[in-house]
PDB file of N, CA and C in Angstrom:
ATOM      1  N   MET A   1      80.730 100.828 112.910  1.00  0.00           N
ATOM      2  CA  MET A   1      81.763 101.813 112.724  1.00  0.00           C
ATOM      3  C   MET A   1      81.559 102.939 113.728  1.00  0.00           C
ATOM      4  N   GLY A   2      82.631 103.334 114.384  1.00  0.00           N
ATOM      5  CA  GLY A   2      82.554 104.404 115.357  1.00  0.00           C
ATOM      6  C   GLY A   2      82.646 105.781 114.717  1.00  0.00           C
ATOM      7  N   LYS A   3      82.337 106.782 115.493  1.00  0.00           N
ATOM      8  CA  LYS A   3      82.408 108.159 115.015  1.00  0.00           C
ATOM      9  C   LYS A   3      83.870 108.589 114.913  1.00  0.00           C
ATOM     10  N   LEU A   4      84.210 109.253 113.800  1.00  0.00           N
ATOM     11  CA  LEU A   4      85.566 109.734 113.599  1.00  0.00           C
ATOM     12  C   LEU A   4      85.796 111.029 114.353  1.00  0.00           C
ATOM     13  N   SER A   5      86.964 111.161 114.914  1.00  0.00           N
ATOM     14  CA  SER A   5      87.369 112.415 115.520  1.00  0.00           C
ATOM     15  C   SER A   5      88.224 113.149 114.499  1.00  0.00           C
ATOM     16  N   MET A   6      87.680 114.216 113.945  1.00  0.00           N
ATOM     17  CA  MET A   6      88.382 114.943 112.887  1.00  0.00           C
ATOM     18  C   MET A   6      88.842 116.290 113.387  1.00  0.00           C
ATOM     19  N   PRO A   7      90.025 116.718 113.083  1.00  0.00           N
ATOM     20  CA  PRO A   7      91.046 115.967 112.385  1.00  0.00           C
ATOM     21  C   PRO A   7      91.749 115.010 113.334  1.00  0.00           C
ATOM     22  N   GLY A   8      92.382 114.006 112.764  1.00  0.00           N
ATOM     23  CA  GLY A   8      93.125 113.016 113.549  1.00  0.00           C
ATOM     24  C   GLY A   8      94.459 113.590 114.030  1.00  0.00           C
ATOM     25  N   LYS A   9      95.205 112.770 114.739  1.00  0.00           N
ATOM     26  CA  LYS A   9      96.465 113.200 115.345  1.00  0.00           C
ATOM     27  C   LYS A   9      97.481 113.696 114.300  1.00  0.00           C
ATOM     28  N   LYS A  10      97.684 112.922 113.233  1.00  0.00           N
ATOM     29  CA  LYS A  10      98.637 113.325 112.191  1.00  0.00           C
ATOM     30  C   LYS A  10      98.160 114.578 111.465  1.00  0.00           C
ATOM     31  N   ALA A  11      96.863 114.636 111.163  1.00  0.00           N
ATOM     32  CA  ALA A  11      96.315 115.794 110.457  1.00  0.00           C
ATOM     33  C   ALA A  11      96.477 117.060 111.298  1.00  0.00           C
ATOM     34  N   ARG A  12      96.256 116.963 112.606  1.00  0.00           N
ATOM     35  CA  ARG A  12      96.427 118.131 113.482  1.00  0.00           C
ATOM     36  C   ARG A  12      97.862 118.646 113.417  1.00  0.00           C
ATOM     37  N   LYS A  13      98.808 117.710 113.365  1.00  0.00           N
ATOM     38  CA  LYS A  13     100.220 118.080 113.283  1.00  0.00           C
ATOM     39  C   LYS A  13     100.499 118.846 111.979  1.00  0.00           C
ATOM     40  N   TYR A  14      99.968 118.344 110.860  1.00  0.00           N
ATOM     41  CA  TYR A  14     100.131 119.026 109.575  1.00  0.00           C
ATOM     42  C   TYR A  14      99.449 120.394 109.586  1.00  0.00           C
ATOM     43  N   LEU A  15      98.268 120.474 110.171  1.00  0.00           N
ATOM     44  CA  LEU A  15      97.533 121.738 110.207  1.00  0.00           C
ATOM     45  C   LEU A  15      98.243 122.781 111.066  1.00  0.00           C
ATOM     46  N   GLU A  16      98.857 122.343 112.163  1.00  0.00           N
ATOM     47  CA  GLU A  16      99.631 123.267 112.999  1.00  0.00           C
ATOM     48  C   GLU A  16     100.796 123.832 112.204  1.00  0.00           C
ATOM     49  N   ARG A  17     101.483 122.964 111.476  1.00  0.00           N
ATOM     50  CA  ARG A  17     102.599 123.401 110.629  1.00  0.00           C
ATOM     51  C   ARG A  17     102.092 124.336 109.530  1.00  0.00           C
ATOM     52  N   ASP A  18     100.989 123.976 108.918  1.00  0.00           N
ATOM     53  CA  ASP A  18     100.374 124.773 107.861  1.00  0.00           C
ATOM     54  C   ASP A  18     100.061 126.179 108.365  1.00  0.00           C
ATOM     55  N   ASN A  19      99.445 126.259 109.535  1.00  0.00           N
ATOM     56  CA  ASN A  19      99.087 127.560 110.119  1.00  0.00           C
ATOM     57  C   ASN A  19     100.313 128.402 110.443  1.00  0.00           C
ATOM     58  N   ALA A  20     101.440 127.736 110.770  1.00  0.00           N
ATOM     59  CA  ALA A  20     102.659 128.460 111.133  1.00  0.00           C
ATOM     60  C   ALA A  20     103.384 129.038 109.917  1.00  0.00           C
ATOM     61  N   VAL A  21     103.271 128.400 108.760  1.00  0.00           N
ATOM     62  CA  VAL A  21     104.091 128.818 107.617  1.00  0.00           C
ATOM     63  C   VAL A  21     103.313 129.345 106.410  1.00  0.00           C
ATOM     64  N   ILE A  22     101.997 129.125 106.345  1.00  0.00           N
ATOM     65  CA  ILE A  22     101.203 129.561 105.200  1.00  0.00           C
ATOM     66  C   ILE A  22     100.532 130.895 105.523  1.00  0.00           C
ATOM     67  N   SER A  23     100.555 131.792 104.574  1.00  0.00           N
ATOM     68  CA  SER A  23      99.930 133.104 104.739  1.00  0.00           C
ATOM     69  C   SER A  23      98.437 132.950 105.029  1.00  0.00           C
ATOM     70  N   SER A  24      97.894 133.818 105.861  1.00  0.00           N
ATOM     71  CA  SER A  24      96.494 133.702 106.259  1.00  0.00           C
ATOM     72  C   SER A  24      95.484 133.746 105.112  1.00  0.00           C
ATOM     73  N   PRO A  25      95.731 134.448 103.989  1.00  0.00           N
ATOM     74  CA  PRO A  25      94.752 134.374 102.886  1.00  0.00           C
ATOM     75  C   PRO A  25      94.582 132.958 102.323  1.00  0.00           C
ATOM     76  N   TYR A  26      95.550 132.080 102.603  1.00  0.00           N
ATOM     77  CA  TYR A  26      95.475 130.709 102.109  1.00  0.00           C
ATOM     78  C   TYR A  26      94.992 129.735 103.168  1.00  0.00           C
ATOM     79  N   SER A  27      94.266 130.225 104.158  1.00  0.00           N
ATOM     80  CA  SER A  27      93.784 129.337 105.221  1.00  0.00           C
ATOM     81  C   SER A  27      92.810 128.302 104.655  1.00  0.00           C
ATOM     82  N   ARG A  28      92.674 127.200 105.354  1.00  0.00           N
ATOM     83  CA  ARG A  28      91.812 126.108 104.902  1.00  0.00           C
ATOM     84  C   ARG A  28      90.407 126.264 105.470  1.00  0.00           C
ATOM     85  N   ALA A  29      89.419 126.062 104.627  1.00  0.00           N
ATOM     86  CA  ALA A  29      88.028 126.128 105.077  1.00  0.00           C
ATOM     87  C   ALA A  29      87.607 124.795 105.697  1.00  0.00           C
ATOM     88  N   TYR A  30      88.437 123.787 105.584  1.00  0.00           N
ATOM     89  CA  TYR A  30      88.145 122.445 106.079  1.00  0.00           C
ATOM     90  C   TYR A  30      89.359 121.936 106.826  1.00  0.00           C
ATOM     91  N   ARG A  31      89.163 120.962 107.676  1.00  0.00           N
ATOM     92  CA  ARG A  31      90.259 120.413 108.473  1.00  0.00           C
ATOM     93  C   ARG A  31      90.527 118.980 108.028  1.00  0.00           C
ATOM     94  N   PHE A  32      90.958 118.830 106.791  1.00  0.00           N
ATOM     95  CA  PHE A  32      91.224 117.515 106.216  1.00  0.00           C
ATOM     96  C   PHE A  32      92.557 117.558 105.495  1.00  0.00           C
ATOM     97  N   MET A  33      93.414 116.592 105.774  1.00  0.00           N
ATOM     98  CA  MET A  33      94.703 116.494 105.095  1.00  0.00           C
ATOM     99  C   MET A  33      94.705 115.195 104.291  1.00  0.00           C
ATOM    100  N   MET A  34      94.691 115.352 102.976  1.00  0.00           N
ATOM    101  CA  MET A  34      94.607 114.198 102.083  1.00  0.00           C
ATOM    102  C   MET A  34      95.961 113.525 101.920  1.00  0.00           C
ATOM    103  N   ASN A  35      95.965 112.211 101.987  1.00  0.00           N
ATOM    104  CA  ASN A  35      97.167 111.421 101.740  1.00  0.00           C
ATOM    105  C   ASN A  35      97.221 111.001 100.274  1.00  0.00           C
ATOM    106  N   HIS A  36      96.157 110.364  99.809  1.00  0.00           N
ATOM    107  CA  HIS A  36      96.085 109.953  98.407  1.00  0.00           C
ATOM    108  C   HIS A  36      94.637 109.678  98.029  1.00  0.00           C
ATOM    109  N   GLY A  37      94.421 109.509  96.732  1.00  0.00           N
ATOM    110  CA  GLY A  37      93.078 109.242  96.255  1.00  0.00           C
ATOM    111  C   GLY A  37      93.087 108.387  95.009  1.00  0.00           C
ATOM    112  N   VAL A  38      92.009 107.657  94.820  1.00  0.00           N
ATOM    113  CA  VAL A  38      91.797 106.837  93.630  1.00  0.00           C
ATOM    114  C   VAL A  38      90.343 107.015  93.227  1.00  0.00           C
ATOM    115  N   SER A  39      90.140 107.507  92.018  1.00  0.00           N
ATOM    116  CA  SER A  39      88.798 107.760  91.524  1.00  0.00           C
ATOM    117  C   SER A  39      88.089 108.705  92.491  1.00  0.00           C
ATOM    118  N   SER A  40      86.946 108.351  93.021  1.00  0.00           N
ATOM    119  CA  SER A  40      86.243 109.237  93.947  1.00  0.00           C
ATOM    120  C   SER A  40      86.514 108.890  95.408  1.00  0.00           C
ATOM    121  N   GLU A  41      87.453 108.005  95.667  1.00  0.00           N
ATOM    122  CA  GLU A  41      87.803 107.633  97.033  1.00  0.00           C
ATOM    123  C   GLU A  41      89.061 108.380  97.448  1.00  0.00           C
ATOM    124  N   ILE A  42      89.081 108.870  98.688  1.00  0.00           N
ATOM    125  CA  ILE A  42      90.246 109.560  99.207  1.00  0.00           C
ATOM    126  C   ILE A  42      90.582 109.039 100.600  1.00  0.00           C
ATOM    127  N   TRP A  43      91.864 109.110 100.938  1.00  0.00           N
ATOM    128  CA  TRP A  43      92.355 108.677 102.230  1.00  0.00           C
ATOM    129  C   TRP A  43      93.059 109.848 102.889  1.00  0.00           C
ATOM    130  N   GLY A  44      92.793 110.042 104.169  1.00  0.00           N
ATOM    131  CA  GLY A  44      93.460 111.086 104.934  1.00  0.00           C
ATOM    132  C   GLY A  44      94.780 110.576 105.479  1.00  0.00           C
ATOM    133  N   VAL A  45      95.599 111.483 106.003  1.00  0.00           N
ATOM    134  CA  VAL A  45      96.903 111.107 106.538  1.00  0.00           C
ATOM    135  C   VAL A  45      96.795 110.195 107.749  1.00  0.00           C
ATOM    136  N   ASP A  46      95.637 110.173 108.395  1.00  0.00           N
ATOM    137  CA  ASP A  46      95.431 109.306 109.557  1.00  0.00           C
ATOM    138  C   ASP A  46      94.866 107.938 109.175  1.00  0.00           C
ATOM    139  N   GLY A  47      94.712 107.694 107.858  1.00  0.00           N
ATOM    140  CA  GLY A  47      94.224 106.404 107.395  1.00  0.00           C
ATOM    141  C   GLY A  47      92.717 106.310 107.225  1.00  0.00           C
ATOM    142  N   ASN A  48      91.994 107.393 107.491  1.00  0.00           N
ATOM    143  CA  ASN A  48      90.542 107.387 107.297  1.00  0.00           C
ATOM    144  C   ASN A  48      90.215 107.361 105.813  1.00  0.00           C
ATOM    145  N   HIS A  49      89.207 106.612 105.439  1.00  0.00           N
ATOM    146  CA  HIS A  49      88.813 106.400 104.043  1.00  0.00           C
ATOM    147  C   HIS A  49      87.480 107.098 103.811  1.00  0.00           C
ATOM    148  N   PHE A  50      87.421 107.915 102.753  1.00  0.00           N
ATOM    149  CA  PHE A  50      86.223 108.694 102.467  1.00  0.00           C
ATOM    150  C   PHE A  50      85.810 108.539 101.011  1.00  0.00           C
ATOM    151  N   ILE A  51      84.551 108.819 100.726  1.00  0.00           N
ATOM    152  CA  ILE A  51      84.069 108.952  99.359  1.00  0.00           C
ATOM    153  C   ILE A  51      83.922 110.450  99.118  1.00  0.00           C
ATOM    154  N   ASN A  52      84.557 110.950  98.062  1.00  0.00           N
ATOM    155  CA  ASN A  52      84.560 112.371  97.776  1.00  0.00           C
ATOM    156  C   ASN A  52      83.342 112.752  96.945  1.00  0.00           C
ATOM    157  N   PHE A  53      82.382 113.402  97.583  1.00  0.00           N
ATOM    158  CA  PHE A  53      81.191 113.883  96.894  1.00  0.00           C
ATOM    159  C   PHE A  53      81.361 115.331  96.431  1.00  0.00           C
ATOM    160  N   ALA A  54      82.521 115.938  96.688  1.00  0.00           N
ATOM    161  CA  ALA A  54      82.732 117.353  96.387  1.00  0.00           C
ATOM    162  C   ALA A  54      83.365 117.598  95.023  1.00  0.00           C
ATOM    163  N   VAL A  55      83.763 116.563  94.316  1.00  0.00           N
ATOM    164  CA  VAL A  55      84.387 116.787  93.004  1.00  0.00           C
ATOM    165  C   VAL A  55      83.358 117.318  92.028  1.00  0.00           C
ATOM    166  N   GLY A  56      83.813 118.114  91.085  1.00  0.00           N
ATOM    167  CA  GLY A  56      82.922 118.671  90.074  1.00  0.00           C
ATOM    168  C   GLY A  56      82.482 117.613  89.082  1.00  0.00           C
ATOM    169  N   ILE A  57      81.343 117.804  88.472  1.00  0.00           N
ATOM    170  CA  ILE A  57      80.801 116.829  87.533  1.00  0.00           C
ATOM    171  C   ILE A  57      81.725 116.638  86.340  1.00  0.00           C
ATOM    172  N   ALA A  58      82.427 117.694  85.918  1.00  0.00           N
ATOM    173  CA  ALA A  58      83.305 117.599  84.750  1.00  0.00           C
ATOM    174  C   ALA A  58      84.569 116.796  85.027  1.00  0.00           C
ATOM    175  N   VAL A  59      85.013 116.764  86.275  1.00  0.00           N
ATOM    176  CA  VAL A  59      86.257 116.059  86.583  1.00  0.00           C
ATOM    177  C   VAL A  59      86.031 114.753  87.331  1.00  0.00           C
ATOM    178  N   CYS A  60      84.817 114.486  87.693  1.00  0.00           N
ATOM    179  CA  CYS A  60      84.514 113.319  88.528  1.00  0.00           C
ATOM    180  C   CYS A  60      85.045 112.026  87.940  1.00  0.00           C
ATOM    181  N   HIS A  61      84.784 111.771  86.668  1.00  0.00           N
ATOM    182  CA  HIS A  61      85.226 110.510  86.068  1.00  0.00           C
ATOM    183  C   HIS A  61      86.379 110.686  85.101  1.00  0.00           C
ATOM    184  N   VAL A  62      86.729 111.920  84.783  1.00  0.00           N
ATOM    185  CA  VAL A  62      87.819 112.148  83.841  1.00  0.00           C
ATOM    186  C   VAL A  62      89.156 112.218  84.558  1.00  0.00           C
ATOM    187  N   LEU A  63      89.269 113.117  85.523  1.00  0.00           N
ATOM    188  CA  LEU A  63      90.535 113.306  86.226  1.00  0.00           C
ATOM    189  C   LEU A  63      90.511 112.734  87.636  1.00  0.00           C
ATOM    190  N   SER A  64      89.492 113.025  88.365  1.00  0.00           N
ATOM    191  CA  SER A  64      89.309 112.568  89.730  1.00  0.00           C
ATOM    192  C   SER A  64      90.589 112.754  90.541  1.00  0.00           C
ATOM    193  N   HIS A  65      91.000 111.747  91.320  1.00  0.00           N
ATOM    194  CA  HIS A  65      92.211 111.833  92.125  1.00  0.00           C
ATOM    195  C   HIS A  65      93.250 110.848  91.639  1.00  0.00           C
ATOM    196  N   TRP A  66      93.132 110.388  90.470  1.00  0.00           N
ATOM    197  CA  TRP A  66      94.049 109.389  89.914  1.00  0.00           C
ATOM    198  C   TRP A  66      95.445 109.974  89.858  1.00  0.00           C
ATOM    199  N   ASN A  67      96.402 109.287  90.450  1.00  0.00           N
ATOM    200  CA  ASN A  67      97.792 109.765  90.420  1.00  0.00           C
ATOM    201  C   ASN A  67      98.602 108.843  89.553  1.00  0.00           C
TER     202      ASN A  67
END
């Protein structure tokens, strides 16, 4: 597996739009645009697949990213 270039092309486009229309107090501390998630797995808008280790212990198996 090769090294990911983050953010990807689609995510950069969303982040540019985000920066143009969202007030600065709501800036993002991370450069990740989530597309969808299932349990502790999440997918970015560029198709990258991740395991989410940042969820809280209380929501990890109860709510997670289940849509």
